[in-house]
Amino acid sequence: MEGLMTFDELKKRYTAINVIDAEYSAGNGQRPTPVCICCHELISGVQYKVWTYGKAEKIQPPWSDGKDVLTVCFYAPAECGFYISMGWKLPNKILDLFSAYSWFANGKSMRTGGRSLLAAMSSFGLNAIEAGEKESWRNMIIGLDWEEDDIPGIMGYCMEDVTATGK
């Protein structure tokens, strides 16, 4: 079993490291309705914001994938469900930081927030969006309760989660 790798070691192993976050709406047991997805490719620094609402099966992700690409996310089942709902091929290699954080936090008395991205950020002393602001955006997205002028804010919120995951 390999040990932990530094970012420099990851850059030598992979041609791209895509940090992604997806936003969607889904009822219990229902397939997600994709809203948007953001990606920050860490090696090149290129960022992508893709509005996907109403575009399932019509577009493909603009970032690369393949055996030499690592996709990083926080709670991979959500992003994979999004990919499936879009009709996209799942990423070749996935690093799920939710699983890594859960392993790290197992048996420890952690700060409040359970195993969420905000809890992980707090545990490591990293800045993140305020919980109330995050909840407001999530409720708007999950309820499909937005107007056209809310789209830039939704995309910004999604990219904030990408940035937090990449930290």
Foldseek 3Di string as FASTA:
>chain_A
DDDDDDPVRLVVQAVWEKEKFWFFADDVPGQTQGAWMKIATPPVRDIDIGGCHPQAPNDEDPDDADPRYEYEYADVVVVVSNCVRSVHDDGPHYDHVLVVQCVVCPPHDFDPDPSDLVSSCVRVVHDADDPVVLVVLNVCRNVVPDDPVCVVVNSVSRVRNSVSRVD
